[in-house]
Amino acid sequence: MFDVESVKAGRPMKYPYTYAAKIAQFPYRYHFNNSWLFKYHLIACLVCFPIFLKIQNMSYSPENVAKWDEIRRKEFEGH
């Protein structure tokens, strides 16, 4: 690994004005170690992402899109 102190360039801002500076100075390690909500929210996002991706891929498959185009066509025509 690398030493965190050797990566820091210069001194930190007294108040980070830009969004990039705010993201860079946010204490991620502190919140991950001391906040159960932050930790489990991050874990839940990582666990649920593949599930949501699979559902999205199934709903936008060509067969399903064609099926719903047919259903909407019939509703529009009044059958």
N, C-alpha and C. Protein backbone atom coordinates (compact mmCIF):
# COMPACT_ATOMS: atom_id res chain seq x y z
N MET A 1 0.84 -1.19 0.00
CA MET A 1 0.00 0.00 0.00
C MET A 1 0.88 1.24 0.00
N PHE A 2 0.25 2.36 -0.02
CA PHE A 2 0.98 3.61 -0.01
C PHE A 2 0.69 4.36 1.27
N ASP A 3 1.57 5.23 1.61
CA ASP A 3 1.42 6.02 2.83
C ASP A 3 0.51 7.21 2.53
N VAL A 4 -0.51 7.41 3.35
CA VAL A 4 -1.49 8.47 3.12
C VAL A 4 -0.82 9.83 3.22
N GLU A 5 0.11 9.99 4.14
CA GLU A 5 0.76 11.28 4.33
C GLU A 5 1.59 11.68 3.11
N SER A 6 2.17 10.71 2.41
CA SER A 6 2.99 11.04 1.26
C SER A 6 2.16 11.45 0.05
N VAL A 7 0.87 11.08 0.04
CA VAL A 7 0.00 11.41 -1.09
C VAL A 7 -0.55 12.82 -0.97
N LYS A 8 -0.72 13.32 0.25
CA LYS A 8 -1.29 14.65 0.45
C LYS A 8 -0.38 15.71 -0.14
N ALA A 9 -0.99 16.63 -0.87
CA ALA A 9 -0.22 17.71 -1.48
C ALA A 9 -0.57 19.01 -0.78
N GLY A 10 0.38 19.66 -0.18
CA GLY A 10 0.14 20.93 0.48
C GLY A 10 -0.68 20.77 1.74
N ARG A 11 -1.28 21.86 2.15
CA ARG A 11 -2.11 21.82 3.36
C ARG A 11 -3.58 21.86 2.97
N PRO A 12 -4.44 21.28 3.80
CA PRO A 12 -5.87 21.28 3.44
C PRO A 12 -6.48 22.67 3.58
N MET A 13 -7.55 22.88 2.83
CA MET A 13 -8.26 24.16 2.91
C MET A 13 -8.93 24.32 4.26
N LYS A 14 -9.08 25.55 4.74
CA LYS A 14 -9.82 25.77 5.97
C LYS A 14 -11.30 25.47 5.75
N TYR A 15 -11.82 25.85 4.61
CA TYR A 15 -13.18 25.48 4.23
C TYR A 15 -13.15 25.07 2.76
N PRO A 16 -13.54 23.84 2.46
CA PRO A 16 -13.53 23.40 1.06
C PRO A 16 -14.69 24.01 0.29
N TYR A 17 -14.38 24.87 -0.65
CA TYR A 17 -15.41 25.59 -1.40
C TYR A 17 -15.96 24.79 -2.57
N THR A 18 -15.16 23.98 -3.18
CA THR A 18 -15.63 23.23 -4.35
C THR A 18 -16.15 21.87 -3.93
N TYR A 19 -16.99 21.27 -4.79
CA TYR A 19 -17.53 19.95 -4.48
C TYR A 19 -16.43 18.89 -4.46
N ALA A 20 -15.45 19.03 -5.34
CA ALA A 20 -14.35 18.08 -5.36
C ALA A 20 -13.56 18.14 -4.06
N ALA A 21 -13.34 19.33 -3.53
CA ALA A 21 -12.62 19.47 -2.26
C ALA A 21 -13.45 18.91 -1.10
N LYS A 22 -14.77 19.11 -1.15
CA LYS A 22 -15.63 18.57 -0.10
C LYS A 22 -15.61 17.04 -0.12
N ILE A 23 -15.64 16.45 -1.30
CA ILE A 23 -15.59 14.99 -1.42
C ILE A 23 -14.24 14.48 -0.95
N ALA A 24 -13.17 15.18 -1.32
CA ALA A 24 -11.83 14.74 -0.95
C ALA A 24 -11.60 14.83 0.56
N GLN A 25 -12.20 15.80 1.22
CA GLN A 25 -11.95 15.97 2.66
C GLN A 25 -13.00 15.30 3.54
N PHE A 26 -13.99 14.64 2.95
CA PHE A 26 -15.01 13.98 3.77
C PHE A 26 -14.40 12.80 4.52
N PRO A 27 -14.67 12.67 5.81
CA PRO A 27 -14.07 11.58 6.61
C PRO A 27 -14.78 10.24 6.41
N TYR A 28 -14.55 9.61 5.26
CA TYR A 28 -15.23 8.35 4.94
C TYR A 28 -14.91 7.26 5.96
N ARG A 29 -13.66 7.09 6.33
CA ARG A 29 -13.26 6.03 7.24
C ARG A 29 -13.93 6.19 8.60
N TYR A 30 -14.02 7.42 9.10
CA TYR A 30 -14.67 7.67 10.37
C TYR A 30 -16.14 7.26 10.32
N HIS A 31 -16.84 7.68 9.27
CA HIS A 31 -18.26 7.35 9.18
C HIS A 31 -18.48 5.86 8.96
N PHE A 32 -17.62 5.21 8.19
CA PHE A 32 -17.78 3.78 7.97
C PHE A 32 -17.56 2.99 9.25
N ASN A 33 -16.61 3.41 10.07
CA ASN A 33 -16.31 2.69 11.31
C ASN A 33 -17.26 3.02 12.45
N ASN A 34 -17.86 4.21 12.46
CA ASN A 34 -18.63 4.64 13.62
C ASN A 34 -20.12 4.83 13.36
N SER A 35 -20.58 4.61 12.17
CA SER A 35 -22.00 4.80 11.88
C SER A 35 -22.55 3.54 11.22
N TRP A 36 -23.45 2.85 11.90
CA TRP A 36 -24.02 1.64 11.34
C TRP A 36 -24.84 1.96 10.10
N LEU A 37 -25.50 3.12 10.09
CA LEU A 37 -26.33 3.48 8.94
C LEU A 37 -25.50 3.66 7.68
N PHE A 38 -24.39 4.34 7.78
CA PHE A 38 -23.50 4.56 6.64
C PHE A 38 -22.96 3.22 6.13
N LYS A 39 -22.54 2.38 7.05
CA LYS A 39 -21.96 1.09 6.68
C LYS A 39 -22.97 0.18 6.00
N TYR A 40 -24.14 0.02 6.60
CA TYR A 40 -25.12 -0.90 6.04
C TYR A 40 -25.79 -0.34 4.79
N HIS A 41 -25.85 0.98 4.64
CA HIS A 41 -26.37 1.55 3.41
C HIS A 41 -25.42 1.24 2.26
N LEU A 42 -24.14 1.36 2.50
CA LEU A 42 -23.15 1.04 1.47
C LEU A 42 -23.20 -0.45 1.11
N ILE A 43 -23.29 -1.31 2.11
CA ILE A 43 -23.36 -2.75 1.87
C ILE A 43 -24.64 -3.11 1.11
N ALA A 44 -25.76 -2.49 1.49
CA ALA A 44 -27.04 -2.77 0.83
C ALA A 44 -27.01 -2.34 -0.63
N CYS A 45 -26.38 -1.21 -0.91
CA CYS A 45 -26.26 -0.77 -2.31
C CYS A 45 -25.45 -1.76 -3.13
N LEU A 46 -24.37 -2.26 -2.56
CA LEU A 46 -23.53 -3.21 -3.29
C LEU A 46 -24.24 -4.55 -3.49
N VAL A 47 -25.03 -4.98 -2.53
CA VAL A 47 -25.74 -6.25 -2.64
C VAL A 47 -26.92 -6.14 -3.61
N CYS A 48 -27.64 -5.02 -3.58
CA CYS A 48 -28.85 -4.88 -4.39
C CYS A 48 -28.57 -4.50 -5.84
N PHE A 49 -27.42 -3.93 -6.13
CA PHE A 49 -27.13 -3.49 -7.49
C PHE A 49 -27.25 -4.62 -8.52
N PRO A 50 -26.64 -5.80 -8.29
CA PRO A 50 -26.80 -6.87 -9.29
C PRO A 50 -28.25 -7.34 -9.45
N ILE A 51 -29.01 -7.33 -8.38
CA ILE A 51 -30.41 -7.74 -8.44
C ILE A 51 -31.22 -6.76 -9.29
N PHE A 52 -31.03 -5.46 -9.04
CA PHE A 52 -31.74 -4.45 -9.81
C PHE A 52 -31.31 -4.46 -11.27
N LEU A 53 -30.04 -4.72 -11.52
CA LEU A 53 -29.55 -4.80 -12.90
C LEU A 53 -30.19 -5.97 -13.64
N LYS A 54 -30.33 -7.11 -12.97
CA LYS A 54 -30.96 -8.28 -13.57
C LYS A 54 -32.43 -8.00 -13.89
N ILE A 55 -33.15 -7.36 -12.97
CA ILE A 55 -34.56 -7.03 -13.20
C ILE A 55 -34.70 -6.06 -14.38
N GLN A 56 -33.81 -5.07 -14.45
CA GLN A 56 -33.88 -4.11 -15.54
C GLN A 56 -33.59 -4.79 -16.88
N ASN A 57 -32.61 -5.67 -16.91
CA ASN A 57 -32.30 -6.36 -18.16
C ASN A 57 -33.44 -7.26 -18.60
N MET A 58 -34.14 -7.88 -17.65
CA MET A 58 -35.29 -8.71 -18.00
C MET A 58 -36.45 -7.86 -18.52
N SER A 59 -36.68 -6.70 -17.92
CA SER A 59 -37.82 -5.88 -18.33
C SER A 59 -37.58 -5.19 -19.67
N TYR A 60 -36.33 -4.96 -20.04
CA TYR A 60 -36.04 -4.32 -21.31
C TYR A 60 -35.56 -5.30 -22.37
N SER A 61 -35.84 -6.58 -22.18
CA SER A 61 -35.47 -7.56 -23.20
C SER A 61 -36.35 -7.34 -24.43
N PRO A 62 -35.85 -7.68 -25.61
CA PRO A 62 -36.65 -7.45 -26.85
C PRO A 62 -38.00 -8.15 -26.83
N GLU A 63 -38.07 -9.35 -26.26
CA GLU A 63 -39.35 -10.06 -26.21
C GLU A 63 -40.36 -9.32 -25.35
N ASN A 64 -39.92 -8.84 -24.20
CA ASN A 64 -40.82 -8.13 -23.30
C ASN A 64 -41.25 -6.80 -23.89
N VAL A 65 -40.35 -6.10 -24.55
CA VAL A 65 -40.70 -4.83 -25.18
C VAL A 65 -41.73 -5.06 -26.28
N ALA A 66 -41.54 -6.10 -27.09
CA ALA A 66 -42.50 -6.41 -28.14
C ALA A 66 -43.86 -6.77 -27.56
N LYS A 67 -43.88 -7.52 -26.47
CA LYS A 67 -45.13 -7.91 -25.82
C LYS A 67 -45.90 -6.68 -25.35
N TRP A 68 -45.20 -5.73 -24.71
CA TRP A 68 -45.89 -4.54 -24.21
C TRP A 68 -46.25 -3.58 -25.32
N ASP A 69 -45.50 -3.56 -26.41
CA ASP A 69 -45.91 -2.76 -27.57
C ASP A 69 -47.23 -3.29 -28.13
N GLU A 70 -47.37 -4.60 -28.18
CA GLU A 70 -48.61 -5.21 -28.65
C GLU A 70 -49.77 -4.89 -27.71
N ILE A 71 -49.54 -4.97 -26.40
CA ILE A 71 -50.60 -4.65 -25.42
C ILE A 71 -51.03 -3.20 -25.57
N ARG A 72 -50.08 -2.29 -25.70
CA ARG A 72 -50.41 -0.87 -25.84
C ARG A 72 -51.11 -0.59 -27.18
N ARG A 73 -50.71 -1.30 -28.23
CA ARG A 73 -51.37 -1.14 -29.53
C ARG A 73 -52.83 -1.55 -29.45
N LYS A 74 -53.09 -2.67 -28.77
CA LYS A 74 -54.48 -3.13 -28.63
C LYS A 74 -55.31 -2.15 -27.80
N GLU A 75 -54.70 -1.59 -26.72
CA GLU A 75 -55.43 -0.62 -25.91
C GLU A 75 -55.74 0.64 -26.71
N PHE A 76 -54.80 1.06 -27.54
CA PHE A 76 -55.00 2.27 -28.33
C PHE A 76 -56.10 2.08 -29.39
N GLU A 77 -56.16 0.87 -29.96
CA GLU A 77 -57.16 0.60 -30.98
C GLU A 77 -58.55 0.35 -30.36
N GLY A 78 -58.62 0.04 -29.09
CA GLY A 78 -59.90 -0.13 -28.43
C GLY A 78 -60.41 -1.55 -28.38
N HIS A 79 -59.54 -2.52 -28.44
CA HIS A 79 -59.97 -3.93 -28.37
C HIS A 79 -60.23 -4.33 -26.95
